[in-house]
């Protein structure tokens, strides 16, 4: 996990996470979510991600003290069908590494992006996003018919954070500065490779696991693509129009001179219907009949 530090035009993280851009990005689904919040707003859990980070740290300590303890918490569909339904929730508290330093960095980073998302969304929207992700992860475990971790669930949180704050800087290995949007694109590239090369069950599981991101941000992504296509079309039409405006209005049929090649020239239309500059304008015949 990389070390993260916000650097947006010299401001610190806290005010940066309150930018209007984050609010604007929520706007396409804001009306629906407002109505939903009035109906089921009681599900909001302030500090949800902080609580999850704390419980992950606690489980890590318990695993150190009792090897194999995490096997009682993992998302194992076979054991869930046999009655161990607590696994539908407890798997989100299981760290994905046994290395102390990596766990510390990973949990700190999760705490950081959780705070950012809660500032941008508020407790209700973040809780709803997380719950939809849990449902998607459970569906993914059913589709793949195997144990499933919380990795993709936390990945969906990272993608949401990258969507809101793409220009925040992340220091990989505490040294290499990268904008979060580039880290997200690289990660998405690896997921796409897996989507292309793996089995159909993996593909369905991947889509299901990221269903919360697709539901919350998919319509906006499609709308942005359409807007970019429209802008590209307008730009192309403008360029064509600009090129047509650069065409000369007058051109001498003899020498090819135009008002653009020599602004001092004057042009006339002769009796033959062609346009000439004054120097090459045909003279009227002087051999009129007596």
Protein backbone atom coordinates (compact mmCIF):
# COMPACT_ATOMS: atom_id res chain seq x y z
CA UNK A 1 0.00 0.00 0.00
CA UNK A 2 1.33 3.47 -0.82
CA UNK A 3 1.80 6.35 1.51
CA UNK A 4 -0.74 9.06 0.72
CA UNK A 5 -0.43 12.80 0.95
CA UNK A 6 -2.82 15.34 -0.53
CA UNK A 7 -1.23 18.06 -2.59
CA UNK A 8 -3.84 20.19 -4.30
CA UNK A 9 -2.40 23.62 -4.95
CA UNK A 10 -0.73 23.81 -1.58
CA UNK A 11 -3.79 23.11 0.58
CA UNK A 12 -4.11 20.39 3.15
CA UNK A 13 -6.41 17.38 2.91
CA UNK A 14 -9.32 18.43 5.07
CA UNK A 15 -10.55 21.48 3.14
CA UNK A 16 -9.57 19.82 -0.13
CA UNK A 17 -12.03 17.05 0.52
CA UNK A 18 -14.87 19.58 0.73
CA UNK A 19 -14.51 20.93 -2.79
CA UNK A 20 -17.53 21.78 -4.89
CA UNK A 21 -16.33 19.37 -7.55
CA UNK A 22 -17.09 16.43 -5.24
CA UNK A 23 -20.60 17.76 -4.72
CA UNK A 24 -21.11 18.27 -8.44
CA UNK A 25 -20.07 14.71 -9.17
CA UNK A 26 -22.87 13.45 -6.92
CA UNK A 27 -25.54 15.54 -8.61
CA UNK A 28 -26.89 13.03 -11.20
CA UNK A 29 -28.22 10.73 -8.42
CA UNK A 30 -28.65 13.39 -5.75
CA UNK A 31 -32.44 13.68 -6.04
CA UNK A 32 -33.00 9.93 -5.80
CA UNK A 33 -30.60 9.57 -2.88
CA UNK A 34 -32.26 12.48 -1.06
CA UNK A 35 -35.62 10.72 -1.29
CA UNK A 36 -34.04 7.45 -0.22
CA UNK A 37 -32.34 9.11 2.73
CA UNK A 38 -35.66 10.48 3.96
CA UNK A 39 -37.10 6.97 3.92
CA UNK A 40 -34.23 4.85 5.27
CA UNK A 41 -31.84 7.44 6.67
CA UNK A 42 -31.69 5.48 9.91
CA UNK A 43 -29.20 3.06 8.34
CA UNK A 44 -26.52 5.77 8.25
CA UNK A 45 -23.50 4.89 10.38
CA UNK A 46 -21.24 7.88 11.08
CA UNK A 47 -17.59 6.86 11.12
CA UNK A 48 -18.38 3.53 9.46
CA UNK A 49 -15.00 3.06 7.80
CA UNK A 50 -13.17 4.05 10.98
CA UNK A 51 -15.08 1.36 12.85
CA UNK A 52 -14.23 -1.20 10.15
CA UNK A 53 -10.56 -0.24 10.33
CA UNK A 54 -10.59 -0.62 14.12
CA UNK A 55 -12.19 -4.08 13.92
CA UNK A 56 -9.70 -5.12 11.23
CA UNK A 57 -6.88 -4.17 13.58
CA UNK A 58 -8.52 -6.13 16.40
CA UNK A 59 -8.92 -9.25 14.22
CA UNK A 60 -5.28 -8.94 13.15
CA UNK A 61 -4.20 -9.04 16.78
CA UNK A 62 -6.51 -12.00 17.50
CA UNK A 63 -5.07 -13.90 14.53
CA UNK A 64 -1.57 -13.29 15.88
CA UNK A 65 -2.65 -14.72 19.21
CA UNK A 66 -4.69 -17.58 17.78
CA UNK A 67 -3.59 -18.89 14.38
CA UNK A 68 -6.50 -19.77 12.15
CA UNK A 69 -8.98 -17.51 13.92
CA UNK A 70 -9.71 -15.72 10.64
CA UNK A 71 -11.04 -18.97 9.15
CA UNK A 72 -14.13 -18.55 11.37
CA UNK A 73 -14.84 -15.13 9.85
CA UNK A 74 -14.18 -15.53 6.11
CA UNK A 75 -16.88 -15.47 3.44
CA UNK A 76 -17.24 -19.19 2.82
CA UNK A 77 -20.55 -19.97 1.09
CA UNK A 78 -20.43 -23.66 1.97
CA UNK A 79 -20.23 -22.88 5.69
CA UNK A 80 -22.83 -20.12 5.37
CA UNK A 81 -25.27 -22.64 3.87
CA UNK A 82 -24.60 -24.89 6.85
CA UNK A 83 -25.75 -22.12 9.21
CA UNK A 84 -22.71 -19.91 9.87
CA UNK A 85 -24.54 -16.79 8.67
CA UNK A 86 -22.32 -14.40 10.64
CA UNK A 87 -19.75 -14.81 7.88
CA UNK A 88 -21.93 -12.57 5.66
CA UNK A 89 -20.69 -9.68 7.80
CA UNK A 90 -17.52 -10.75 9.58
CA UNK A 91 -15.46 -11.21 6.41
CA UNK A 92 -15.10 -7.42 6.10
CA UNK A 93 -13.05 -7.44 9.33
CA UNK A 94 -10.38 -9.87 8.09
CA UNK A 95 -7.09 -8.23 6.97
CA UNK A 96 -5.70 -9.58 3.71
CA UNK A 97 -2.08 -9.77 4.83
CA UNK A 98 -0.23 -11.08 7.87
CA UNK A 99 2.64 -8.57 7.58
CA UNK A 100 2.42 -6.01 10.39
CA UNK A 101 3.74 -3.00 8.43
CA UNK A 102 1.54 -3.71 5.41
CA UNK A 103 -1.51 -4.04 7.63
CA UNK A 104 -0.75 -0.71 9.30
CA UNK A 105 -0.33 1.10 5.97
CA UNK A 106 -3.38 -0.57 4.40
CA UNK A 107 -5.65 0.25 7.34
CA UNK A 108 -4.36 3.81 7.55
CA UNK A 109 -5.03 4.28 3.84
CA UNK A 110 -8.54 2.82 4.22
CA UNK A 111 -9.16 5.21 7.14
CA UNK A 112 -8.03 8.11 4.96
CA UNK A 113 -10.24 7.36 1.97
CA UNK A 114 -13.16 6.58 4.30
CA UNK A 115 -12.89 10.05 5.83
CA UNK A 116 -12.73 11.57 2.35
CA UNK A 117 -15.82 9.73 1.14
CA UNK A 118 -17.80 10.58 4.25
CA UNK A 119 -16.98 14.27 3.82
CA UNK A 120 -18.02 14.14 0.18
CA UNK A 121 -21.12 11.96 0.58
CA UNK A 122 -22.16 12.07 4.21
CA UNK A 123 -22.74 9.02 6.44
CA UNK A 124 -25.91 7.82 4.70
CA UNK A 125 -24.57 7.67 1.15
CA UNK A 126 -21.31 6.08 2.25
CA UNK A 127 -23.17 3.48 4.32
CA UNK A 128 -25.51 2.71 1.43
CA UNK A 129 -22.57 2.41 -0.98
CA UNK A 130 -20.81 0.03 1.38
CA UNK A 131 -23.92 -2.09 1.95
CA UNK A 132 -24.54 -2.42 -1.79
CA UNK A 133 -20.90 -3.46 -2.13
CA UNK A 134 -21.36 -6.13 0.55
CA UNK A 135 -24.37 -7.52 -1.30
CA UNK A 136 -22.38 -7.51 -4.53
CA UNK A 137 -19.48 -9.31 -2.86
CA UNK A 138 -21.84 -11.97 -1.51
CA UNK A 139 -23.32 -12.46 -5.00
CA UNK A 140 -19.77 -12.73 -6.36
CA UNK A 141 -18.98 -15.46 -3.84
CA UNK A 142 -22.10 -17.36 -4.91
CA UNK A 143 -21.27 -16.99 -8.62
CA UNK A 144 -17.66 -18.09 -8.17
CA UNK A 145 -18.66 -20.81 -5.67
CA UNK A 146 -15.58 -20.13 -3.59
CA UNK A 147 -14.33 -18.15 -0.63
CA UNK A 148 -14.28 -14.42 -1.22
CA UNK A 149 -12.35 -11.71 0.59
CA UNK A 150 -13.10 -8.06 1.28
CA UNK A 151 -10.47 -6.92 -1.24
CA UNK A 152 -12.88 -5.97 -4.03
CA UNK A 153 -15.18 -4.25 -1.54
CA UNK A 154 -12.36 -2.01 -0.37
CA UNK A 155 -11.25 -1.59 -3.99
CA UNK A 156 -14.67 -0.13 -4.79
CA UNK A 157 -14.10 2.42 -2.01
CA UNK A 158 -10.78 3.38 -3.56
CA UNK A 159 -12.36 3.78 -7.01
CA UNK A 160 -15.04 6.02 -5.51
CA UNK A 161 -12.38 8.14 -3.82
CA UNK A 162 -10.44 8.38 -7.09
CA UNK A 163 -13.63 9.47 -8.84
CA UNK A 164 -14.12 12.34 -6.43
CA UNK A 165 -10.48 13.39 -5.97
CA UNK A 166 -8.53 12.29 -9.07
CA UNK A 167 -5.79 14.90 -8.69
CA UNK A 168 -4.78 14.12 -5.12
CA UNK A 169 -1.20 12.84 -4.96
CA UNK A 170 -0.23 9.46 -3.62
CA UNK A 171 3.39 8.61 -2.77
CA UNK A 172 4.12 5.05 -3.84
CA UNK A 173 6.69 3.47 -1.50
CA UNK A 174 6.83 6.90 0.19
CA UNK A 175 8.91 8.19 -2.76
CA UNK A 176 7.19 8.12 -6.16
CA UNK A 177 4.41 10.74 -6.50
CA UNK A 178 1.41 9.66 -8.58
CA UNK A 179 -2.02 11.16 -8.92
CA UNK A 180 -4.70 8.88 -7.57
CA UNK A 181 -6.48 8.76 -10.91
CA UNK A 182 -3.41 7.14 -12.51
CA UNK A 183 -3.15 4.55 -9.72
CA UNK A 184 -6.85 3.79 -10.20
CA UNK A 185 -6.42 3.44 -13.97
CA UNK A 186 -3.47 1.07 -13.51
CA UNK A 187 -5.43 -1.03 -11.05
CA UNK A 188 -8.44 -1.02 -13.37
CA UNK A 189 -6.15 -2.18 -16.17
CA UNK A 190 -5.10 -5.24 -14.18
CA UNK A 191 -8.74 -6.00 -13.38
CA UNK A 192 -9.62 -5.68 -17.08
CA UNK A 193 -6.86 -8.13 -18.01
CA UNK A 194 -8.29 -10.58 -15.49
CA UNK A 195 -11.78 -9.98 -16.87
CA UNK A 196 -10.59 -10.81 -20.40
CA UNK A 197 -8.42 -13.83 -19.55
CA UNK A 198 -10.35 -15.52 -16.75
CA UNK A 199 -13.47 -17.70 -16.80
CA UNK A 200 -17.06 -16.51 -17.13
CA UNK A 201 -17.67 -17.14 -13.44
CA UNK A 202 -14.78 -14.79 -12.62
CA UNK A 203 -16.19 -12.15 -14.98
CA UNK A 204 -19.62 -12.31 -13.37
CA UNK A 205 -18.07 -12.28 -9.91
CA UNK A 206 -15.97 -9.21 -10.76
CA UNK A 207 -18.96 -7.29 -12.08
CA UNK A 208 -21.03 -8.27 -9.04
CA UNK A 209 -18.26 -7.29 -6.62
CA UNK A 210 -17.98 -3.82 -8.21
CA UNK A 211 -21.75 -3.42 -8.59
CA UNK A 212 -21.87 -0.56 -6.07
CA UNK A 213 -19.43 1.50 -8.15
CA UNK A 214 -21.31 0.69 -11.36
CA UNK A 215 -24.66 1.64 -9.81
CA UNK A 216 -23.48 4.88 -8.22
CA UNK A 217 -21.15 6.14 -10.94
CA UNK A 218 -22.10 4.24 -14.09
CA UNK A 219 -24.83 6.67 -15.26
CA UNK A 220 -22.50 9.64 -14.76
CA UNK A 221 -19.68 7.93 -16.67
CA UNK A 222 -22.03 7.22 -19.58
CA UNK A 223 -23.29 10.81 -19.53
CA UNK A 224 -19.72 12.15 -19.56
CA UNK A 225 -18.85 9.93 -22.53
CA UNK A 226 -21.87 11.23 -24.43
CA UNK A 227 -20.93 14.83 -23.62
CA UNK A 228 -17.37 14.25 -24.81
CA UNK A 229 -18.70 12.78 -28.05
CA UNK A 230 -20.97 15.79 -28.56
CA UNK A 231 -18.11 18.19 -27.80
CA UNK A 232 -15.84 16.36 -30.25
CA UNK A 233 -18.55 16.60 -32.91
CA UNK A 234 -19.04 20.32 -32.31
CA UNK A 235 -15.29 20.88 -32.42
CA UNK A 236 -15.03 19.02 -35.70
CA UNK A 237 -17.88 21.04 -37.22
CA UNK A 238 -16.24 24.25 -36.01
CA UNK A 239 -12.92 23.27 -37.58
CA UNK A 240 -14.63 22.50 -40.88
CA UNK A 241 -16.41 25.84 -40.75
CA UNK A 242 -13.16 27.63 -39.90
CA UNK A 243 -11.43 26.03 -42.86
CA UNK A 244 -14.27 27.10 -45.17
CA UNK A 245 -13.99 30.68 -43.90
CA UNK A 246 -10.32 30.68 -44.82
CA UNK A 247 -11.15 29.98 -48.47
CA UNK A 248 -10.69 33.11 -50.65
CA UNK A 249 -13.76 34.92 -51.91
CA UNK A 250 -12.07 36.16 -55.11
CA UNK A 251 -9.64 34.38 -57.42
CA UNK A 252 -8.23 35.56 -60.75
CA UNK A 253 -8.95 33.07 -63.53
CA UNK A 254 -5.65 33.97 -65.24
CA UNK A 255 -2.97 34.30 -62.56
CA UNK A 256 -4.77 32.65 -59.63
CA UNK A 257 -4.19 35.60 -57.30
CA UNK A 258 -6.67 36.10 -54.44
CA UNK A 259 -7.50 38.87 -51.99
CA UNK A 260 -5.62 36.82 -49.38
CA UNK A 261 -2.43 36.59 -51.41
CA UNK A 262 -2.55 40.33 -52.20
CA UNK A 263 -5.07 42.41 -50.23
CA UNK A 264 -4.49 45.41 -52.57
CA UNK A 265 -5.91 43.65 -55.62
CA UNK A 266 -9.28 44.50 -57.09
CA UNK A 267 -11.37 41.96 -58.96
CA UNK A 268 -14.02 42.18 -61.66
CA UNK A 269 -16.31 39.70 -63.37
CA UNK A 270 -15.93 39.69 -67.16
CA UNK A 271 -18.58 39.05 -69.80
CA UNK A 272 -17.46 35.41 -69.98
CA UNK A 273 -18.58 34.94 -66.38
CA UNK A 274 -15.03 34.47 -65.03
CA UNK A 275 -13.45 36.63 -62.34
CA UNK A 276 -10.18 38.43 -63.01
CA UNK A 277 -7.87 40.82 -61.23
CA UNK A 278 -7.67 44.28 -62.80
CA UNK A 279 -4.32 43.50 -64.44
CA UNK A 280 -5.73 40.52 -66.37
CA UNK A 281 -9.25 41.73 -66.98
CA UNK A 282 -10.05 41.16 -70.73
CA UNK A 283 -10.62 44.41 -72.64
CA UNK A 284 -13.68 44.99 -74.77
CA UNK A 285 -13.04 44.40 -78.49
CA UNK A 286 -12.57 47.54 -80.48
CA UNK A 287 -13.37 46.05 -83.88
CA UNK A 288 -16.97 47.03 -83.84
CA UNK A 289 -18.79 46.96 -87.22
CA UNK A 290 -18.86 50.36 -89.13
